[in-house]
Amino acid sequence: MESALAIAALGALAQGTRLDTFRLLVRHVPEGLPAGEVARQLGVPQNTMSAHLAILTRSGLVRFERQGRTIFYRADLDSVRGLMLFLVQDCCAGNADLCTPLIEALTPCC
């Protein structure tokens, strides 16, 4: 991942509603959620949610798919993986013993 992409992704998450939106979409991988349902669950007006979803989509953290008149949004876990690897690629100057706790903490419980 390039620095510019990492900055865009981190910038998109640096706002409370977008962070909440992203975390909600991560919980609904792989099926995703319709935009209106995201707005409803987070108590955000639909036009405001559309702007937040557009920012998350441009950052590469979220994808969308139109199904009829409904747009479903999904967290893009490949982008998340790329961002996480970018952030820790030089972890602990290559000392695996120091990185092990970090890697174990990033291992999902599921």
PDB file of N, CA and C in Angstrom:
ATOM      1  N   MET A   1       0.849  -1.171   0.000  1.00  0.00           N
ATOM      2  CA  MET A   1       0.000   0.000   0.000  1.00  0.00           C
ATOM      3  C   MET A   1       0.894   1.234   0.000  1.00  0.00           C
ATOM      4  N   GLU A   2       0.497   2.220  -0.756  1.00  0.00           N
ATOM      5  CA  GLU A   2       1.228   3.472  -0.817  1.00  0.00           C
ATOM      6  C   GLU A   2       0.820   4.374   0.346  1.00  0.00           C
ATOM      7  N   SER A   3       1.708   5.279   0.699  1.00  0.00           N
ATOM      8  CA  SER A   3       1.424   6.215   1.787  1.00  0.00           C
ATOM      9  C   SER A   3       0.154   7.020   1.525  1.00  0.00           C
ATOM     10  N   ALA A   4      -0.061   7.451   0.293  1.00  0.00           N
ATOM     11  CA  ALA A   4      -1.244   8.269  -0.027  1.00  0.00           C
ATOM     12  C   ALA A   4      -2.532   7.497   0.246  1.00  0.00           C
ATOM     13  N   LEU A   5      -2.550   6.201  -0.084  1.00  0.00           N
ATOM     14  CA  LEU A   5      -3.743   5.388   0.180  1.00  0.00           C
ATOM     15  C   LEU A   5      -3.952   5.187   1.674  1.00  0.00           C
ATOM     16  N   ALA A   6      -2.866   4.980   2.398  1.00  0.00           N
ATOM     17  CA  ALA A   6      -2.966   4.818   3.848  1.00  0.00           C
ATOM     18  C   ALA A   6      -3.479   6.099   4.492  1.00  0.00           C
ATOM     19  N   ILE A   7      -3.000   7.234   4.034  1.00  0.00           N
ATOM     20  CA  ILE A   7      -3.452   8.513   4.579  1.00  0.00           C
ATOM     21  C   ILE A   7      -4.934   8.720   4.292  1.00  0.00           C
ATOM     22  N   ALA A   8      -5.385   8.374   3.090  1.00  0.00           N
ATOM     23  CA  ALA A   8      -6.800   8.508   2.745  1.00  0.00           C
ATOM     24  C   ALA A   8      -7.660   7.611   3.628  1.00  0.00           C
ATOM     25  N   ALA A   9      -7.213   6.375   3.852  1.00  0.00           N
ATOM     26  CA  ALA A   9      -7.974   5.445   4.683  1.00  0.00           C
ATOM     27  C   ALA A   9      -8.024   5.914   6.132  1.00  0.00           C
ATOM     28  N   LEU A  10      -6.889   6.310   6.657  1.00  0.00           N
ATOM     29  CA  LEU A  10      -6.854   6.774   8.046  1.00  0.00           C
ATOM     30  C   LEU A  10      -7.645   8.066   8.213  1.00  0.00           C
ATOM     31  N   GLY A  11      -7.581   8.940   7.213  1.00  0.00           N
ATOM     32  CA  GLY A  11      -8.353  10.177   7.255  1.00  0.00           C
ATOM     33  C   GLY A  11      -9.847   9.906   7.245  1.00  0.00           C
ATOM     34  N   ALA A  12     -10.262   8.924   6.452  1.00  0.00           N
ATOM     35  CA  ALA A  12     -11.684   8.579   6.393  1.00  0.00           C
ATOM     36  C   ALA A  12     -12.173   8.065   7.741  1.00  0.00           C
ATOM     37  N   LEU A  13     -11.321   7.367   8.451  1.00  0.00           N
ATOM     38  CA  LEU A  13     -11.712   6.797   9.752  1.00  0.00           C
ATOM     39  C   LEU A  13     -11.549   7.792  10.896  1.00  0.00           C
ATOM     40  N   ALA A  14     -10.983   8.949  10.612  1.00  0.00           N
ATOM     41  CA  ALA A  14     -10.701   9.935  11.660  1.00  0.00           C
ATOM     42  C   ALA A  14     -11.895  10.829  11.952  1.00  0.00           C
ATOM     43  N   GLN A  15     -13.077  10.293  11.795  1.00  0.00           N
ATOM     44  CA  GLN A  15     -14.318  11.011  12.087  1.00  0.00           C
ATOM     45  C   GLN A  15     -15.261   9.998  12.724  1.00  0.00           C
ATOM     46  N   GLY A  16     -15.934  10.388  13.789  1.00  0.00           N
ATOM     47  CA  GLY A  16     -16.705   9.453  14.589  1.00  0.00           C
ATOM     48  C   GLY A  16     -17.764   8.669  13.845  1.00  0.00           C
ATOM     49  N   THR A  17     -18.577   9.333  13.046  1.00  0.00           N
ATOM     50  CA  THR A  17     -19.651   8.635  12.333  1.00  0.00           C
ATOM     51  C   THR A  17     -19.085   7.666  11.313  1.00  0.00           C
ATOM     52  N   ARG A  18     -18.020   8.079  10.621  1.00  0.00           N
ATOM     53  CA  ARG A  18     -17.427   7.173   9.636  1.00  0.00           C
ATOM     54  C   ARG A  18     -16.773   5.973  10.313  1.00  0.00           C
ATOM     55  N   LEU A  19     -16.136   6.181  11.439  1.00  0.00           N
ATOM     56  CA  LEU A  19     -15.553   5.055  12.172  1.00  0.00           C
ATOM     57  C   LEU A  19     -16.655   4.094  12.621  1.00  0.00           C
ATOM     58  N   ASP A  20     -17.744   4.629  13.156  1.00  0.00           N
ATOM     59  CA  ASP A  20     -18.871   3.783  13.562  1.00  0.00           C
ATOM     60  C   ASP A  20     -19.465   3.041  12.366  1.00  0.00           C
ATOM     61  N   THR A  21     -19.562   3.728  11.242  1.00  0.00           N
ATOM     62  CA  THR A  21     -20.098   3.113  10.025  1.00  0.00           C
ATOM     63  C   THR A  21     -19.213   1.976   9.569  1.00  0.00           C
ATOM     64  N   PHE A  22     -17.922   2.219   9.543  1.00  0.00           N
ATOM     65  CA  PHE A  22     -16.986   1.180   9.110  1.00  0.00           C
ATOM     66  C   PHE A  22     -17.055  -0.031  10.034  1.00  0.00           C
ATOM     67  N   ARG A  23     -17.075   0.208  11.330  1.00  0.00           N
ATOM     68  CA  ARG A  23     -17.134  -0.908  12.289  1.00  0.00           C
ATOM     69  C   ARG A  23     -18.438  -1.690  12.141  1.00  0.00           C
ATOM     70  N   LEU A  24     -19.544  -0.998  11.875  1.00  0.00           N
ATOM     71  CA  LEU A  24     -20.820  -1.672  11.630  1.00  0.00           C
ATOM     72  C   LEU A  24     -20.726  -2.542  10.388  1.00  0.00           C
ATOM     73  N   LEU A  25     -20.136  -2.016   9.324  1.00  0.00           N
ATOM     74  CA  LEU A  25     -20.014  -2.797   8.091  1.00  0.00           C
ATOM     75  C   LEU A  25     -19.086  -3.992   8.262  1.00  0.00           C
ATOM     76  N   VAL A  26     -18.045  -3.848   9.081  1.00  0.00           N
ATOM     77  CA  VAL A  26     -17.158  -4.987   9.353  1.00  0.00           C
ATOM     78  C   VAL A  26     -17.934  -6.110  10.033  1.00  0.00           C
ATOM     79  N   ARG A  27     -18.861  -5.743  10.905  1.00  0.00           N
ATOM     80  CA  ARG A  27     -19.671  -6.768  11.590  1.00  0.00           C
ATOM     81  C   ARG A  27     -20.629  -7.477  10.632  1.00  0.00           C
ATOM     82  N   HIS A  28     -20.865  -6.905   9.473  1.00  0.00           N
ATOM     83  CA  HIS A  28     -21.817  -7.485   8.522  1.00  0.00           C
ATOM     84  C   HIS A  28     -21.148  -7.976   7.241  1.00  0.00           C
ATOM     85  N   VAL A  29     -19.873  -8.332   7.342  1.00  0.00           N
ATOM     86  CA  VAL A  29     -19.181  -8.968   6.222  1.00  0.00           C
ATOM     87  C   VAL A  29     -19.611 -10.426   6.199  1.00  0.00           C
ATOM     88  N   PRO A  30     -19.929 -11.046   5.096  1.00  0.00           N
ATOM     89  CA  PRO A  30     -19.787 -10.546   3.735  1.00  0.00           C
ATOM     90  C   PRO A  30     -21.069  -9.953   3.148  1.00  0.00           C
ATOM     91  N   GLU A  31     -22.199 -10.097   3.819  1.00  0.00           N
ATOM     92  CA  GLU A  31     -23.461  -9.699   3.186  1.00  0.00           C
ATOM     93  C   GLU A  31     -23.616  -8.189   3.017  1.00  0.00           C
ATOM     94  N   GLY A  32     -23.032  -7.397   3.894  1.00  0.00           N
ATOM     95  CA  GLY A  32     -23.153  -5.940   3.805  1.00  0.00           C
ATOM     96  C   GLY A  32     -24.517  -5.469   4.290  1.00  0.00           C
ATOM     97  N   LEU A  33     -24.730  -4.177   4.168  1.00  0.00           N
ATOM     98  CA  LEU A  33     -25.989  -3.562   4.592  1.00  0.00           C
ATOM     99  C   LEU A  33     -26.417  -2.517   3.574  1.00  0.00           C
ATOM    100  N   PRO A  34     -27.732  -2.367   3.389  1.00  0.00           N
ATOM    101  CA  PRO A  34     -28.202  -1.261   2.555  1.00  0.00           C
ATOM    102  C   PRO A  34     -27.892   0.073   3.232  1.00  0.00           C
ATOM    103  N   ALA A  35     -27.685   1.100   2.425  1.00  0.00           N
ATOM    104  CA  ALA A  35     -27.341   2.418   2.957  1.00  0.00           C
ATOM    105  C   ALA A  35     -28.371   2.906   3.968  1.00  0.00           C
ATOM    106  N   GLY A  36     -29.642   2.711   3.676  1.00  0.00           N
ATOM    107  CA  GLY A  36     -30.688   3.160   4.586  1.00  0.00           C
ATOM    108  C   GLY A  36     -30.638   2.458   5.934  1.00  0.00           C
ATOM    109  N   GLU A  37     -30.278   1.199   5.927  1.00  0.00           N
ATOM    110  CA  GLU A  37     -30.173   0.442   7.183  1.00  0.00           C
ATOM    111  C   GLU A  37     -28.974   0.911   7.995  1.00  0.00           C
ATOM    112  N   VAL A  38     -27.879   1.247   7.324  1.00  0.00           N
ATOM    113  CA  VAL A  38     -26.710   1.793   8.027  1.00  0.00           C
ATOM    114  C   VAL A  38     -27.118   3.087   8.722  1.00  0.00           C
ATOM    115  N   ALA A  39     -27.801   3.952   7.993  1.00  0.00           N
ATOM    116  CA  ALA A  39     -28.244   5.228   8.558  1.00  0.00           C
ATOM    117  C   ALA A  39     -29.190   4.999   9.733  1.00  0.00           C
ATOM    118  N   ARG A  40     -30.115   4.064   9.581  1.00  0.00           N
ATOM    119  CA  ARG A  40     -31.077   3.789  10.655  1.00  0.00           C
ATOM    120  C   ARG A  40     -30.390   3.273  11.908  1.00  0.00           C
ATOM    121  N   GLN A  41     -29.495   2.307  11.737  1.00  0.00           N
ATOM    122  CA  GLN A  41     -28.834   1.714  12.903  1.00  0.00           C
ATOM    123  C   GLN A  41     -27.960   2.709  13.648  1.00  0.00           C
ATOM    124  N   LEU A  42     -27.407   3.675  12.928  1.00  0.00           N
ATOM    125  CA  LEU A  42     -26.527   4.650  13.570  1.00  0.00           C
ATOM    126  C   LEU A  42     -27.251   5.948  13.927  1.00  0.00           C
ATOM    127  N   GLY A  43     -28.525   6.048  13.547  1.00  0.00           N
ATOM    128  CA  GLY A  43     -29.298   7.244  13.872  1.00  0.00           C
ATOM    129  C   GLY A  43     -28.794   8.497  13.168  1.00  0.00           C
ATOM    130  N   VAL A  44     -28.408   8.331  11.905  1.00  0.00           N
ATOM    131  CA  VAL A  44     -27.863   9.435  11.108  1.00  0.00           C
ATOM    132  C   VAL A  44     -28.817   9.688   9.943  1.00  0.00           C
ATOM    133  N   PRO A  45     -29.100  10.956   9.618  1.00  0.00           N
ATOM    134  CA  PRO A  45     -29.938  11.236   8.443  1.00  0.00           C
ATOM    135  C   PRO A  45     -29.347  10.602   7.181  1.00  0.00           C
ATOM    136  N   GLN A  46     -30.222  10.131   6.293  1.00  0.00           N
ATOM    137  CA  GLN A  46     -29.750   9.397   5.120  1.00  0.00           C
ATOM    138  C   GLN A  46     -28.836  10.233   4.225  1.00  0.00           C
ATOM    139  N   ASN A  47     -29.131  11.524   4.050  1.00  0.00           N
ATOM    140  CA  ASN A  47     -28.261  12.325   3.184  1.00  0.00           C
ATOM    141  C   ASN A  47     -26.873  12.501   3.797  1.00  0.00           C
ATOM    142  N   THR A  48     -26.816  12.625   5.118  1.00  0.00           N
ATOM    143  CA  THR A  48     -25.524  12.715   5.804  1.00  0.00           C
ATOM    144  C   THR A  48     -24.775  11.393   5.687  1.00  0.00           C
ATOM    145  N   MET A  49     -25.494  10.272   5.854  1.00  0.00           N
ATOM    146  CA  MET A  49     -24.864   8.957   5.742  1.00  0.00           C
ATOM    147  C   MET A  49     -24.324   8.746   4.332  1.00  0.00           C
ATOM    148  N   SER A  50     -25.038   9.216   3.326  1.00  0.00           N
ATOM    149  CA  SER A  50     -24.556   9.071   1.949  1.00  0.00           C
ATOM    150  C   SER A  50     -23.199   9.738   1.776  1.00  0.00           C
ATOM    151  N   ALA A  51     -23.035  10.915   2.367  1.00  0.00           N
ATOM    152  CA  ALA A  51     -21.747  11.609   2.276  1.00  0.00           C
ATOM    153  C   ALA A  51     -20.649  10.818   2.979  1.00  0.00           C
ATOM    154  N   HIS A  52     -20.954  10.275   4.146  1.00  0.00           N
ATOM    155  CA  HIS A  52     -19.953   9.482   4.872  1.00  0.00           C
ATOM    156  C   HIS A  52     -19.592   8.211   4.102  1.00  0.00           C
ATOM    157  N   LEU A  53     -20.594   7.539   3.542  1.00  0.00           N
ATOM    158  CA  LEU A  53     -20.327   6.324   2.774  1.00  0.00           C
ATOM    159  C   LEU A  53     -19.502   6.630   1.524  1.00  0.00           C
ATOM    160  N   ALA A  54     -19.731   7.775   0.921  1.00  0.00           N
ATOM    161  CA  ALA A  54     -18.942   8.165  -0.253  1.00  0.00           C
ATOM    162  C   ALA A  54     -17.473   8.355   0.122  1.00  0.00           C
ATOM    163  N   ILE A  55     -17.218   8.969   1.256  1.00  0.00           N
ATOM    164  CA  ILE A  55     -15.834   9.171   1.707  1.00  0.00           C
ATOM    165  C   ILE A  55     -15.171   7.832   1.996  1.00  0.00           C
ATOM    166  N   LEU A  56     -15.875   6.941   2.665  1.00  0.00           N
ATOM    167  CA  LEU A  56     -15.324   5.610   2.962  1.00  0.00           C
ATOM    168  C   LEU A  56     -15.070   4.824   1.677  1.00  0.00           C
ATOM    169  N   THR A  57     -15.947   4.990   0.704  1.00  0.00           N
ATOM    170  CA  THR A  57     -15.775   4.294  -0.569  1.00  0.00           C
ATOM    171  C   THR A  57     -14.560   4.835  -1.315  1.00  0.00           C
ATOM    172  N   ARG A  58     -14.424   6.152  -1.371  1.00  0.00           N
ATOM    173  CA  ARG A  58     -13.261   6.747  -2.049  1.00  0.00           C
ATOM    174  C   ARG A  58     -11.950   6.358  -1.371  1.00  0.00           C
ATOM    175  N   SER A  59     -11.997   6.125  -0.068  1.00  0.00           N
ATOM    176  CA  SER A  59     -10.778   5.736   0.647  1.00  0.00           C
ATOM    177  C   SER A  59     -10.371   4.298   0.358  1.00  0.00           C
ATOM    178  N   GLY A  60     -11.280   3.523  -0.216  1.00  0.00           N
ATOM    179  CA  GLY A  60     -10.998   2.117  -0.522  1.00  0.00           C
ATOM    180  C   GLY A  60     -11.363   1.152   0.590  1.00  0.00           C
ATOM    181  N   LEU A  61     -11.865   1.664   1.701  1.00  0.00           N
ATOM    182  CA  LEU A  61     -12.203   0.788   2.828  1.00  0.00           C
ATOM    183  C   LEU A  61     -13.569   0.129   2.677  1.00  0.00           C
ATOM    184  N   VAL A  62     -14.403   0.688   1.814  1.00  0.00           N
ATOM    185  CA  VAL A  62     -15.774   0.202   1.642  1.00  0.00           C
ATOM    186  C   VAL A  62     -16.055   0.050   0.153  1.00  0.00           C
ATOM    187  N   ARG A  63     -16.794  -0.988  -0.187  1.00  0.00           N
ATOM    188  CA  ARG A  63     -17.263  -1.218  -1.558  1.00  0.00           C
ATOM    189  C   ARG A  63     -18.780  -1.151  -1.550  1.00  0.00           C
ATOM    190  N   PHE A  64     -19.345  -0.934  -2.715  1.00  0.00           N
ATOM    191  CA  PHE A  64     -20.802  -0.961  -2.805  1.00  0.00           C
ATOM    192  C   PHE A  64     -21.236  -1.761  -4.017  1.00  0.00           C
ATOM    193  N   GLU A  65     -22.460  -2.246  -3.949  1.00  0.00           N
ATOM    194  CA  GLU A  65     -23.049  -3.017  -5.040  1.00  0.00           C
ATOM    195  C   GLU A  65     -24.520  -2.651  -5.125  1.00  0.00           C
ATOM    196  N   ARG A  66     -24.954  -2.302  -6.312  1.00  0.00           N
ATOM    197  CA  ARG A  66     -26.357  -1.979  -6.520  1.00  0.00           C
ATOM    198  C   ARG A  66     -27.127  -3.270  -6.799  1.00  0.00           C
ATOM    199  N   GLN A  67     -28.207  -3.451  -6.058  1.00  0.00           N
ATOM    200  CA  GLN A  67     -29.118  -4.578  -6.279  1.00  0.00           C
ATOM    201  C   GLN A  67     -30.509  -3.982  -6.473  1.00  0.00           C
ATOM    202  N   GLY A  68     -30.889  -3.828  -7.735  1.00  0.00           N
ATOM    203  CA  GLY A  68     -32.147  -3.151  -8.032  1.00  0.00           C
ATOM    204  C   GLY A  68     -32.020  -1.683  -7.670  1.00  0.00           C
ATOM    205  N   ARG A  69     -32.917  -1.210  -6.808  1.00  0.00           N
ATOM    206  CA  ARG A  69     -32.876   0.189  -6.376  1.00  0.00           C
ATOM    207  C   ARG A  69     -32.099   0.377  -5.085  1.00  0.00           C
ATOM    208  N   THR A  70     -31.583  -0.710  -4.542  1.00  0.00           N
ATOM    209  CA  THR A  70     -30.895  -0.658  -3.256  1.00  0.00           C
ATOM    210  C   THR A  70     -29.387  -0.763  -3.457  1.00  0.00           C
ATOM    211  N   ILE A  71     -28.649   0.041  -2.698  1.00  0.00           N
ATOM    212  CA  ILE A  71     -27.187  -0.034  -2.726  1.00  0.00           C
ATOM    213  C   ILE A  71     -26.724  -0.659  -1.417  1.00  0.00           C
ATOM    214  N   PHE A  72     -26.014  -1.773  -1.533  1.00  0.00           N
ATOM    215  CA  PHE A  72     -25.445  -2.460  -0.376  1.00  0.00           C
ATOM    216  C   PHE A  72     -23.990  -2.046  -0.227  1.00  0.00           C
ATOM    217  N   TYR A  73     -23.593  -1.767   1.005  1.00  0.00           N
ATOM    218  CA  TYR A  73     -22.215  -1.390   1.315  1.00  0.00           C
ATOM    219  C   TYR A  73     -21.564  -2.497   2.122  1.00  0.00           C
ATOM    220  N   ARG A  74     -20.295  -2.746   1.824  1.00  0.00           N
ATOM    221  CA  ARG A  74     -19.524  -3.785   2.507  1.00  0.00           C
ATOM    222  C   ARG A  74     -18.130  -3.251   2.836  1.00  0.00           C
ATOM    223  N   ALA A  75     -17.624  -3.632   3.985  1.00  0.00           N
ATOM    224  CA  ALA A  75     -16.233  -3.330   4.311  1.00  0.00           C
ATOM    225  C   ALA A  75     -15.347  -4.160   3.394  1.00  0.00           C
ATOM    226  N   ASP A  76     -14.293  -3.564   2.873  1.00  0.00           N
ATOM    227  CA  ASP A  76     -13.350  -4.254   2.006  1.00  0.00           C
ATOM    228  C   ASP A  76     -12.194  -4.751   2.866  1.00  0.00           C
ATOM    229  N   LEU A  77     -12.281  -6.012   3.256  1.00  0.00           N
ATOM    230  CA  LEU A  77     -11.288  -6.567   4.175  1.00  0.00           C
ATOM    231  C   LEU A  77      -9.896  -6.663   3.556  1.00  0.00           C
ATOM    232  N   ASP A  78      -9.814  -6.770   2.234  1.00  0.00           N
ATOM    233  CA  ASP A  78      -8.494  -6.768   1.597  1.00  0.00           C
ATOM    234  C   ASP A  78      -7.806  -5.416   1.797  1.00  0.00           C
ATOM    235  N   SER A  79      -8.583  -4.332   1.703  1.00  0.00           N
ATOM    236  CA  SER A  79      -8.010  -3.005   1.947  1.00  0.00           C
ATOM    237  C   SER A  79      -7.604  -2.844   3.401  1.00  0.00           C
ATOM    238  N   VAL A  80      -8.414  -3.373   4.297  1.00  0.00           N
ATOM    239  CA  VAL A  80      -8.086  -3.307   5.727  1.00  0.00           C
ATOM    240  C   VAL A  80      -6.794  -4.067   5.991  1.00  0.00           C
ATOM    241  N   ARG A  81      -6.677  -5.242   5.395  1.00  0.00           N
ATOM    242  CA  ARG A  81      -5.463  -6.049   5.549  1.00  0.00           C
ATOM    243  C   ARG A  81      -4.247  -5.272   5.037  1.00  0.00           C
ATOM    244  N   GLY A  82      -4.393  -4.654   3.873  1.00  0.00           N
ATOM    245  CA  GLY A  82      -3.297  -3.866   3.312  1.00  0.00           C
ATOM    246  C   GLY A  82      -2.902  -2.707   4.209  1.00  0.00           C
ATOM    247  N   LEU A  83      -3.902  -2.042   4.793  1.00  0.00           N
ATOM    248  CA  LEU A  83      -3.623  -0.927   5.697  1.00  0.00           C
ATOM    249  C   LEU A  83      -2.900  -1.416   6.950  1.00  0.00           C
ATOM    250  N   MET A  84      -3.370  -2.497   7.525  1.00  0.00           N
ATOM    251  CA  MET A  84      -2.734  -3.031   8.733  1.00  0.00           C
ATOM    252  C   MET A  84      -1.296  -3.459   8.444  1.00  0.00           C
ATOM    253  N   LEU A  85      -1.079  -4.116   7.317  1.00  0.00           N
ATOM    254  CA  LEU A  85       0.282  -4.531   6.967  1.00  0.00           C
ATOM    255  C   LEU A  85       1.179  -3.329   6.725  1.00  0.00           C
ATOM    256  N   PHE A  86       0.637  -2.295   6.091  1.00  0.00           N
ATOM    257  CA  PHE A  86       1.405  -1.072   5.874  1.00  0.00           C
ATOM    258  C   PHE A  86       1.840  -0.468   7.206  1.00  0.00           C
ATOM    259  N   LEU A  87       0.928  -0.453   8.172  1.00  0.00           N
ATOM    260  CA  LEU A  87       1.228   0.162   9.465  1.00  0.00           C
ATOM    261  C   LEU A  87       2.280  -0.603  10.261  1.00  0.00           C
ATOM    262  N   VAL A  88       2.350  -1.913  10.077  1.00  0.00           N
ATOM    263  CA  VAL A  88       3.272  -2.709  10.900  1.00  0.00           C
ATOM    264  C   VAL A  88       4.391  -3.378  10.088  1.00  0.00           C
ATOM    265  N   GLN A  89       4.580  -2.980   8.840  1.00  0.00           N
ATOM    266  CA  GLN A  89       5.546  -3.690   8.008  1.00  0.00           C
ATOM    267  C   GLN A  89       6.968  -3.632   8.555  1.00  0.00           C
ATOM    268  N   ASP A  90       7.314  -2.604   9.284  1.00  0.00           N
ATOM    269  CA  ASP A  90       8.655  -2.517   9.866  1.00  0.00           C
ATOM    270  C   ASP A  90       8.619  -2.773  11.367  1.00  0.00           C
ATOM    271  N   CYS A  91       7.641  -3.521  11.799  1.00  0.00           N
ATOM    272  CA  CYS A  91       7.401  -3.771  13.214  1.00  0.00           C
ATOM    273  C   CYS A  91       8.653  -4.271  13.928  1.00  0.00           C
ATOM    274  N   CYS A  92       8.975  -3.590  14.973  1.00  0.00           N
ATOM    275  CA  CYS A  92      10.000  -4.039  15.920  1.00  0.00           C
ATOM    276  C   CYS A  92      11.351  -4.308  15.261  1.00  0.00           C
ATOM    277  N   ALA A  93      11.621  -3.633  14.158  1.00  0.00           N
ATOM    278  CA  ALA A  93      12.901  -3.774  13.439  1.00  0.00           C
ATOM    279  C   ALA A  93      13.222  -5.237  13.133  1.00  0.00           C
ATOM    280  N   GLY A  94      12.187  -6.023  12.861  1.00  0.00           N
ATOM    281  CA  GLY A  94      12.382  -7.416  12.487  1.00  0.00           C
ATOM    282  C   GLY A  94      12.544  -8.381  13.638  1.00  0.00           C
ATOM    283  N   ASN A  95      12.400  -7.913  14.863  1.00  0.00           N
ATOM    284  CA  ASN A  95      12.518  -8.788  16.029  1.00  0.00           C
ATOM    285  C   ASN A  95      11.174  -9.477  16.256  1.00  0.00           C
ATOM    286  N   ALA A  96      11.082 -10.723  15.832  1.00  0.00           N
ATOM    287  CA  ALA A  96       9.819 -11.465  15.875  1.00  0.00           C
ATOM    288  C   ALA A  96       9.274 -11.609  17.295  1.00  0.00           C
ATOM    289  N   ASP A  97      10.159 -11.700  18.277  1.00  0.00           N
ATOM    290  CA  ASP A  97       9.686 -11.848  19.664  1.00  0.00           C
ATOM    291  C   ASP A  97       8.890 -10.627  20.115  1.00  0.00           C
ATOM    292  N   LEU A  98       9.284  -9.453  19.653  1.00  0.00           N
ATOM    293  CA  LEU A  98       8.567  -8.239  20.026  1.00  0.00           C
ATOM    294  C   LEU A  98       7.246  -8.116  19.271  1.00  0.00           C
ATOM    295  N   CYS A  99       7.184  -8.636  18.053  1.00  0.00           N
ATOM    296  CA  CYS A  99       5.975  -8.527  17.226  1.00  0.00           C
ATOM    297  C   CYS A  99       4.919  -9.575  17.564  1.00  0.00           C
ATOM    298  N   THR A 100       5.301 -10.657  18.163  1.00  0.00           N
ATOM    299  CA  THR A 100       4.362 -11.750  18.421  1.00  0.00           C
ATOM    300  C   THR A 100       3.113 -11.296  19.177  1.00  0.00           C
ATOM    301  N   PRO A 101       3.216 -10.527  20.247  1.00  0.00           N
ATOM    302  CA  PRO A 101       1.988 -10.093  20.935  1.00  0.00           C
ATOM    303  C   PRO A 101       1.069  -9.253  20.040  1.00  0.00           C
ATOM    304  N   LEU A 102       1.644  -8.427  19.194  1.00  0.00           N
ATOM    305  CA  LEU A 102       0.844  -7.615  18.280  1.00  0.00           C
ATOM    306  C   LEU A 102       0.110  -8.503  17.287  1.00  0.00           C
ATOM    307  N   ILE A 103       0.818  -9.440  16.707  1.00  0.00           N
ATOM    308  CA  ILE A 103       0.206 -10.351  15.723  1.00  0.00           C
ATOM    309  C   ILE A 103      -0.891 -11.182  16.380  1.00  0.00           C
ATOM    310  N   GLU A 104      -0.643 -11.658  17.577  1.00  0.00           N
ATOM    311  CA  GLU A 104      -1.667 -12.437  18.280  1.00  0.00           C
ATOM    312  C   GLU A 104      -2.894 -11.577  18.598  1.00  0.00           C
ATOM    313  N   ALA A 105      -2.685 -10.322  18.937  1.00  0.00           N
ATOM    314  CA  ALA A 105      -3.822  -9.435  19.221  1.00  0.00           C
ATOM    315  C   ALA A 105      -4.630  -9.140  17.980  1.00  0.00           C
ATOM    316  N   LEU A 106      -3.996  -9.162  16.804  1.00  0.00           N
ATOM    317  CA  LEU A 106      -4.690  -8.902  15.554  1.00  0.00           C
ATOM    318  C   LEU A 106      -5.377 -10.140  14.996  1.00  0.00           C
ATOM    319  N   THR A 107      -5.111 -11.303  15.566  1.00  0.00           N
ATOM    320  CA  THR A 107      -5.738 -12.535  15.100  1.00  0.00           C
ATOM    321  C   THR A 107      -7.177 -12.544  15.603  1.00  0.00           C
ATOM    322  N   PRO A 108      -8.133 -12.585  14.664  1.00  0.00           N
ATOM    323  CA  PRO A 108      -9.548 -12.538  15.084  1.00  0.00           C
ATOM    324  C   PRO A 108      -9.947 -13.770  15.869  1.00  0.00           C
ATOM    325  N   CYS A 109     -10.907 -13.562  16.736  1.00  0.00           N
ATOM    326  CA  CYS A 109     -11.366 -14.657  17.585  1.00  0.00           C
ATOM    327  C   CYS A 109     -12.223 -15.651  16.810  1.00  0.00           C
ATOM    328  N   CYS A 110     -12.719 -15.281  15.657  1.00  0.00           N
ATOM    329  CA  CYS A 110     -13.591 -16.181  14.906  1.00  0.00           C
ATOM    330  C   CYS A 110     -12.771 -17.054  13.977  1.00  0.00           C
TER     331      CYS A 110
END
